[in-house]
Amino acid sequence: MTRVLLTAFEPYDRWPDNASWLALIDLTRWHDGPIQIVTRRYPVDIGKMSERLRTDLQEDYDLALHCGQAPGSSHLRLESVGLNLRTDGSEILSGAPAAYRSPLPLVAAASRIRAAGIPAAVSHHAGTYLCNAALFLSQHYINSFGMRTASAFVHMPLAPAQVARENSDSPSMSTPMVSAALALMIEQLATTRNEQRHLA
């Protein structure tokens, strides 16, 4: 059975909820099938998040997909590159590589999501804040410990209720649409990983 670690973040700043966690809650309400999904909600604190992520990855998942909200985004962004870079320009981990690139076929996953009528694209820069740190650290731990896990990050738009609460004209995407996109992405990536193993 394919095992997937699916992570999101808790609320932060002015947001009383986080679109990424709302999507994971919705997904676990209806998703069923041969893929086992384990969800985790991380604090918006790089030290605590790093510690919990490292512990969770020890369970040796097939896939690790990390999720976060991206206010202002109109589509899902499948992030492929994690940079060893903080907002202040310093390194996340001294002496570690400058960046890691996800080995997952994100272009194919984005195409499948778009084919279902959900806006999505591959992005190669997850910023320099906590979302980027989650992607970089995930890939670093996987590489350092020789894990079979492959990881990526998904940035998602705000949920409509979040935009309504702000009384703004920011773009949004419904939580059910986001969770459906995540399910499609997981299925696409899991199928590809299984095919690669059979060919190995």
C-alpha atoms as a PDB file:
ATOM      1  CA  MET A   1       0.000   0.000   0.000  1.00  0.00           C
ATOM      2  CA  THR A   2       1.250   3.462  -0.919  1.00  0.00           C
ATOM      3  CA  ARG A   3       1.669   5.645   2.161  1.00  0.00           C
ATOM      4  CA  VAL A   4       1.502   9.419   1.908  1.00  0.00           C
ATOM      5  CA  LEU A   5       2.408  12.032   4.505  1.00  0.00           C
ATOM      6  CA  LEU A   6       0.259  15.108   3.916  1.00  0.00           C
ATOM      7  CA  THR A   7       1.111  18.174   6.004  1.00  0.00           C
ATOM      8  CA  ALA A   8      -0.372  21.624   6.486  1.00  0.00           C
ATOM      9  CA  PHE A   9       0.088  24.615   8.769  1.00  0.00           C
ATOM     10  CA  GLU A  10      -1.885  26.055  11.649  1.00  0.00           C
ATOM     11  CA  PRO A  11      -3.392  29.567  11.546  1.00  0.00           C
ATOM     12  CA  TYR A  12      -0.992  32.518  11.706  1.00  0.00           C
ATOM     13  CA  ASP A  13      -0.977  36.318  11.802  1.00  0.00           C
ATOM     14  CA  ARG A  14      -4.437  37.665  10.975  1.00  0.00           C
ATOM     15  CA  TRP A  15      -5.750  34.356   9.623  1.00  0.00           C
ATOM     16  CA  PRO A  16      -7.984  32.487  12.123  1.00  0.00           C
ATOM     17  CA  ASP A  17      -7.774  29.425   9.885  1.00  0.00           C
ATOM     18  CA  ASN A  18      -5.402  28.134   7.227  1.00  0.00           C
ATOM     19  CA  ALA A  19      -6.549  27.086   3.748  1.00  0.00           C
ATOM     20  CA  SER A  20      -4.044  24.232   3.728  1.00  0.00           C
ATOM     21  CA  TRP A  21      -5.438  22.601   6.867  1.00  0.00           C
ATOM     22  CA  LEU A  22      -9.026  23.165   5.726  1.00  0.00           C
ATOM     23  CA  ALA A  23      -8.198  21.225   2.544  1.00  0.00           C
ATOM     24  CA  LEU A  24      -6.683  18.319   4.471  1.00  0.00           C
ATOM     25  CA  ILE A  25      -9.699  18.108   6.760  1.00  0.00           C
ATOM     26  CA  ASP A  26     -12.012  18.014   3.747  1.00  0.00           C
ATOM     27  CA  LEU A  27      -9.904  15.405   1.936  1.00  0.00           C
ATOM     28  CA  THR A  28      -9.915  12.986   4.865  1.00  0.00           C
ATOM     29  CA  ARG A  29     -13.711  13.197   5.093  1.00  0.00           C
ATOM     30  CA  TRP A  30     -14.268  11.585   1.720  1.00  0.00           C
ATOM     31  CA  HIS A  31     -11.045  10.088   0.350  1.00  0.00           C
ATOM     32  CA  ASP A  32     -11.024   6.314   0.213  1.00  0.00           C
ATOM     33  CA  GLY A  33      -8.971   3.757  -1.651  1.00  0.00           C
ATOM     34  CA  PRO A  34      -5.699   1.832  -1.663  1.00  0.00           C
ATOM     35  CA  ILE A  35      -3.593   4.876  -0.699  1.00  0.00           C
ATOM     36  CA  GLN A  36      -3.044   5.484   2.997  1.00  0.00           C
ATOM     37  CA  ILE A  37      -2.974   9.189   3.859  1.00  0.00           C
ATOM     38  CA  VAL A  38      -1.541  10.437   7.148  1.00  0.00           C
ATOM     39  CA  THR A  39      -2.102  14.126   7.947  1.00  0.00           C
ATOM     40  CA  ARG A  40      -0.121  16.421  10.211  1.00  0.00           C
ATOM     41  CA  ARG A  41      -0.608  20.071  11.165  1.00  0.00           C
ATOM     42  CA  TYR A  42       2.588  21.959  11.898  1.00  0.00           C
ATOM     43  CA  PRO A  43       3.143  25.109  13.955  1.00  0.00           C
ATOM     44  CA  VAL A  44       4.204  28.287  12.181  1.00  0.00           C
ATOM     45  CA  ASP A  45       7.628  28.115  13.794  1.00  0.00           C
ATOM     46  CA  ILE A  46      10.637  26.868  11.865  1.00  0.00           C
ATOM     47  CA  GLY A  47      12.314  25.170  14.826  1.00  0.00           C
ATOM     48  CA  LYS A  48       9.236  23.280  16.001  1.00  0.00           C
ATOM     49  CA  MET A  49       8.168  22.493  12.442  1.00  0.00           C
ATOM     50  CA  SER A  50      11.621  21.138  11.590  1.00  0.00           C
ATOM     51  CA  GLU A  51      11.679  18.861  14.623  1.00  0.00           C
ATOM     52  CA  ARG A  52       8.228  17.437  13.959  1.00  0.00           C
ATOM     53  CA  LEU A  53       8.892  17.020  10.245  1.00  0.00           C
ATOM     54  CA  ARG A  54      12.092  15.113  10.899  1.00  0.00           C
ATOM     55  CA  THR A  55      10.275  12.800  13.306  1.00  0.00           C
ATOM     56  CA  ASP A  56       7.344  12.226  10.948  1.00  0.00           C
ATOM     57  CA  LEU A  57       9.569  11.392   7.994  1.00  0.00           C
ATOM     58  CA  GLN A  58      11.161   8.572   9.993  1.00  0.00           C
ATOM     59  CA  GLU A  59       7.990   6.601   9.258  1.00  0.00           C
ATOM     60  CA  ASP A  60       9.389   6.128   5.742  1.00  0.00           C
ATOM     61  CA  TYR A  61       6.481   7.216   3.533  1.00  0.00           C
ATOM     62  CA  ASP A  62       6.355   6.792  -0.225  1.00  0.00           C
ATOM     63  CA  LEU A  63       5.366  10.422  -0.717  1.00  0.00           C
ATOM     64  CA  ALA A  64       5.447  13.545   1.435  1.00  0.00           C
ATOM     65  CA  LEU A  65       3.333  16.444   0.195  1.00  0.00           C
ATOM     66  CA  HIS A  66       3.530  19.628   2.216  1.00  0.00           C
ATOM     67  CA  CYS A  67       0.811  22.262   1.859  1.00  0.00           C
ATOM     68  CA  GLY A  68       0.475  25.934   2.679  1.00  0.00           C
ATOM     69  CA  GLN A  69      -1.767  28.824   1.785  1.00  0.00           C
ATOM     70  CA  ALA A  70      -0.657  31.541  -0.621  1.00  0.00           C
ATOM     71  CA  PRO A  71      -2.731  34.729  -0.222  1.00  0.00           C
ATOM     72  CA  GLY A  72      -3.075  36.419  -3.603  1.00  0.00           C
ATOM     73  CA  SER A  73      -2.597  33.250  -5.643  1.00  0.00           C
ATOM     74  CA  SER A  74      -5.333  32.326  -8.126  1.00  0.00           C
ATOM     75  CA  HIS A  75      -4.218  28.735  -8.719  1.00  0.00           C
ATOM     76  CA  LEU A  76      -2.495  25.776  -7.109  1.00  0.00           C
ATOM     77  CA  ARG A  77       1.283  26.036  -7.303  1.00  0.00           C
ATOM     78  CA  LEU A  78       3.206  22.767  -7.262  1.00  0.00           C
ATOM     79  CA  GLU A  79       6.589  23.772  -5.852  1.00  0.00           C
ATOM     80  CA  SER A  80       9.556  21.751  -7.057  1.00  0.00           C
ATOM     81  CA  VAL A  81      12.571  23.508  -5.535  1.00  0.00           C
ATOM     82  CA  GLY A  82      13.422  24.066  -1.887  1.00  0.00           C
ATOM     83  CA  LEU A  83      16.075  26.702  -1.219  1.00  0.00           C
ATOM     84  CA  ASN A  84      18.496  26.780   1.702  1.00  0.00           C
ATOM     85  CA  LEU A  85      17.483  30.360   2.326  1.00  0.00           C
ATOM     86  CA  ARG A  86      15.640  32.320   4.993  1.00  0.00           C
ATOM     87  CA  THR A  87      13.842  35.634   4.529  1.00  0.00           C
ATOM     88  CA  ASP A  88      16.812  37.486   6.040  1.00  0.00           C
ATOM     89  CA  GLY A  89      19.192  35.937   3.504  1.00  0.00           C
ATOM     90  CA  SER A  90      20.836  33.482   5.896  1.00  0.00           C
ATOM     91  CA  GLU A  91      20.941  29.726   5.385  1.00  0.00           C
ATOM     92  CA  ILE A  92      18.340  27.412   6.885  1.00  0.00           C
ATOM     93  CA  LEU A  93      21.057  24.826   7.515  1.00  0.00           C
ATOM     94  CA  SER A  94      24.708  25.823   7.481  1.00  0.00           C
ATOM     95  CA  GLY A  95      26.797  23.641   5.204  1.00  0.00           C
ATOM     96  CA  ALA A  96      23.792  22.055   3.511  1.00  0.00           C
ATOM     97  CA  PRO A  97      23.260  22.218  -0.280  1.00  0.00           C
ATOM     98  CA  ALA A  98      21.958  25.483  -1.723  1.00  0.00           C
ATOM     99  CA  ALA A  99      18.793  23.809  -2.992  1.00  0.00           C
ATOM    100  CA  TYR A 100      17.012  20.538  -3.633  1.00  0.00           C
ATOM    101  CA  ARG A 101      14.769  19.731  -6.572  1.00  0.00           C
ATOM    102  CA  SER A 102      11.832  17.367  -6.195  1.00  0.00           C
ATOM    103  CA  PRO A 103      12.214  14.136  -8.206  1.00  0.00           C
ATOM    104  CA  LEU A 104       8.447  13.907  -8.639  1.00  0.00           C
ATOM    105  CA  PRO A 105       6.778  14.399 -12.073  1.00  0.00           C
ATOM    106  CA  LEU A 106       5.016  17.614 -11.107  1.00  0.00           C
ATOM    107  CA  VAL A 107       4.365  18.732 -14.689  1.00  0.00           C
ATOM    108  CA  ALA A 108       2.262  15.619 -15.285  1.00  0.00           C
ATOM    109  CA  ALA A 109       0.487  16.117 -11.967  1.00  0.00           C
ATOM    110  CA  ALA A 110      -0.337  19.747 -12.793  1.00  0.00           C
ATOM    111  CA  SER A 111      -1.637  18.691 -16.203  1.00  0.00           C
ATOM    112  CA  ARG A 112      -3.939  16.113 -14.639  1.00  0.00           C
ATOM    113  CA  ILE A 113      -5.294  18.673 -12.197  1.00  0.00           C
ATOM    114  CA  ARG A 114      -5.923  21.188 -14.999  1.00  0.00           C
ATOM    115  CA  ALA A 115      -7.639  18.484 -17.054  1.00  0.00           C
ATOM    116  CA  ALA A 116     -10.159  18.223 -14.208  1.00  0.00           C
ATOM    117  CA  GLY A 117     -10.887  21.943 -14.567  1.00  0.00           C
ATOM    118  CA  ILE A 118      -8.804  23.114 -11.619  1.00  0.00           C
ATOM    119  CA  PRO A 119      -6.169  25.834 -12.200  1.00  0.00           C
ATOM    120  CA  ALA A 120      -2.675  24.544 -11.378  1.00  0.00           C
ATOM    121  CA  ALA A 121       0.920  25.098 -12.462  1.00  0.00           C
ATOM    122  CA  VAL A 122       4.436  24.047 -11.533  1.00  0.00           C
ATOM    123  CA  SER A 123       6.461  26.676  -9.685  1.00  0.00           C
ATOM    124  CA  HIS A 124      10.203  26.635  -9.085  1.00  0.00           C
ATOM    125  CA  HIS A 125      10.411  29.060  -6.179  1.00  0.00           C
ATOM    126  CA  ALA A 126       8.498  28.507  -2.944  1.00  0.00           C
ATOM    127  CA  GLY A 127       9.623  31.833  -1.470  1.00  0.00           C
ATOM    128  CA  THR A 128      11.947  32.172   1.515  1.00  0.00           C
ATOM    129  CA  TYR A 129       9.556  31.744   4.410  1.00  0.00           C
ATOM    130  CA  LEU A 130       8.232  28.686   6.252  1.00  0.00           C
ATOM    131  CA  CYS A 131       6.738  26.980   3.196  1.00  0.00           C
ATOM    132  CA  ASN A 132      10.103  26.964   1.456  1.00  0.00           C
ATOM    133  CA  ALA A 133      11.745  25.784   4.682  1.00  0.00           C
ATOM    134  CA  ALA A 134       9.343  22.848   4.914  1.00  0.00           C
ATOM    135  CA  LEU A 135      10.157  21.785   1.360  1.00  0.00           C
ATOM    136  CA  PHE A 136      13.906  22.240   1.774  1.00  0.00           C
ATOM    137  CA  LEU A 137      14.086  20.452   5.120  1.00  0.00           C
ATOM    138  CA  SER A 138      11.901  17.598   3.895  1.00  0.00           C
ATOM    139  CA  GLN A 139      14.184  17.012   0.944  1.00  0.00           C
ATOM    140  CA  HIS A 140      17.294  17.413   3.086  1.00  0.00           C
ATOM    141  CA  TYR A 141      16.177  14.862   5.670  1.00  0.00           C
ATOM    142  CA  ILE A 142      15.112  12.420   2.962  1.00  0.00           C
ATOM    143  CA  ASN A 143      18.467  12.765   1.226  1.00  0.00           C
ATOM    144  CA  SER A 144      20.530  12.667   4.422  1.00  0.00           C
ATOM    145  CA  PHE A 145      18.915   9.519   5.775  1.00  0.00           C
ATOM    146  CA  GLY A 146      18.606   7.683   2.451  1.00  0.00           C
ATOM    147  CA  MET A 147      14.821   7.474   2.635  1.00  0.00           C
ATOM    148  CA  ARG A 148      12.661   6.193  -0.207  1.00  0.00           C
ATOM    149  CA  THR A 149      10.284   9.139   0.274  1.00  0.00           C
ATOM    150  CA  ALA A 150       9.902  11.777  -2.440  1.00  0.00           C
ATOM    151  CA  SER A 151       8.505  15.175  -1.517  1.00  0.00           C
ATOM    152  CA  ALA A 152       7.030  18.336  -2.968  1.00  0.00           C
ATOM    153  CA  PHE A 153       5.109  21.377  -1.754  1.00  0.00           C
ATOM    154  CA  VAL A 154       1.701  22.683  -2.804  1.00  0.00           C
ATOM    155  CA  HIS A 155       0.752  26.328  -2.378  1.00  0.00           C
ATOM    156  CA  MET A 156      -2.993  26.904  -2.508  1.00  0.00           C
ATOM    157  CA  PRO A 157      -5.213  29.985  -2.777  1.00  0.00           C
ATOM    158  CA  LEU A 158      -7.222  31.276   0.139  1.00  0.00           C
ATOM    159  CA  ALA A 159     -10.609  29.680   0.773  1.00  0.00           C
ATOM    160  CA  PRO A 160     -13.646  31.823  -0.155  1.00  0.00           C
ATOM    161  CA  ALA A 161     -14.633  32.223   3.506  1.00  0.00           C
ATOM    162  CA  GLN A 162     -11.231  33.683   4.269  1.00  0.00           C
ATOM    163  CA  VAL A 163     -11.587  36.264   1.498  1.00  0.00           C
ATOM    164  CA  ALA A 164     -15.149  37.079   2.554  1.00  0.00           C
ATOM    165  CA  ARG A 165     -13.998  37.625   6.128  1.00  0.00           C
ATOM    166  CA  GLU A 166     -11.369  40.054   4.869  1.00  0.00           C
ATOM    167  CA  ASN A 167     -13.935  41.776   2.613  1.00  0.00           C
ATOM    168  CA  SER A 168     -11.309  41.858  -0.112  1.00  0.00           C
ATOM    169  CA  ASP A 169     -11.139  41.082  -3.813  1.00  0.00           C
ATOM    170  CA  SER A 170      -8.322  38.538  -3.426  1.00  0.00           C
ATOM    171  CA  PRO A 171      -8.609  35.374  -5.537  1.00  0.00           C
ATOM    172  CA  SER A 172      -9.835  32.218  -3.813  1.00  0.00           C
ATOM    173  CA  MET A 173     -10.535  28.557  -4.488  1.00  0.00           C
ATOM    174  CA  SER A 174     -13.144  26.420  -2.761  1.00  0.00           C
ATOM    175  CA  THR A 175     -11.875  23.924  -0.223  1.00  0.00           C
ATOM    176  CA  PRO A 176     -13.579  20.958  -1.960  1.00  0.00           C
ATOM    177  CA  MET A 177     -11.872  21.931  -5.219  1.00  0.00           C
ATOM    178  CA  VAL A 178      -8.487  22.084  -3.512  1.00  0.00           C
ATOM    179  CA  SER A 179      -8.972  18.727  -1.792  1.00  0.00           C
ATOM    180  CA  ALA A 180     -10.045  17.185  -5.118  1.00  0.00           C
ATOM    181  CA  ALA A 181      -6.864  18.539  -6.702  1.00  0.00           C
ATOM    182  CA  LEU A 182      -4.768  17.052  -3.906  1.00  0.00           C
ATOM    183  CA  ALA A 183      -6.418  13.665  -4.421  1.00  0.00           C
ATOM    184  CA  LEU A 184      -5.683  13.802  -8.156  1.00  0.00           C
ATOM    185  CA  MET A 185      -2.088  14.787  -7.482  1.00  0.00           C
ATOM    186  CA  ILE A 186      -1.584  11.989  -4.969  1.00  0.00           C
ATOM    187  CA  GLU A 187      -3.066   9.404  -7.317  1.00  0.00           C
ATOM    188  CA  GLN A 188      -0.930  10.613 -10.231  1.00  0.00           C
ATOM    189  CA  LEU A 189       2.291  10.634  -8.240  1.00  0.00           C
ATOM    190  CA  ALA A 190       1.590   7.313  -6.531  1.00  0.00           C
ATOM    191  CA  THR A 191       0.928   5.629  -9.882  1.00  0.00           C
ATOM    192  CA  THR A 192       4.162   6.981 -11.320  1.00  0.00           C
ATOM    193  CA  ARG A 193       6.185   5.906  -8.275  1.00  0.00           C
ATOM    194  CA  ASN A 194       4.764   2.384  -8.469  1.00  0.00           C
ATOM    195  CA  GLU A 195       5.536   2.142 -12.169  1.00  0.00           C
ATOM    196  CA  GLN A 196       9.113   3.282 -11.549  1.00  0.00           C
ATOM    197  CA  ARG A 197       9.588   0.628  -8.873  1.00  0.00           C
ATOM    198  CA  HIS A 198       8.331  -2.132 -11.164  1.00  0.00           C
ATOM    199  CA  LEU A 199      10.791  -1.053 -13.840  1.00  0.00           C
ATOM    200  CA  ALA A 200      13.713  -0.878 -11.393  1.00  0.00           C
END
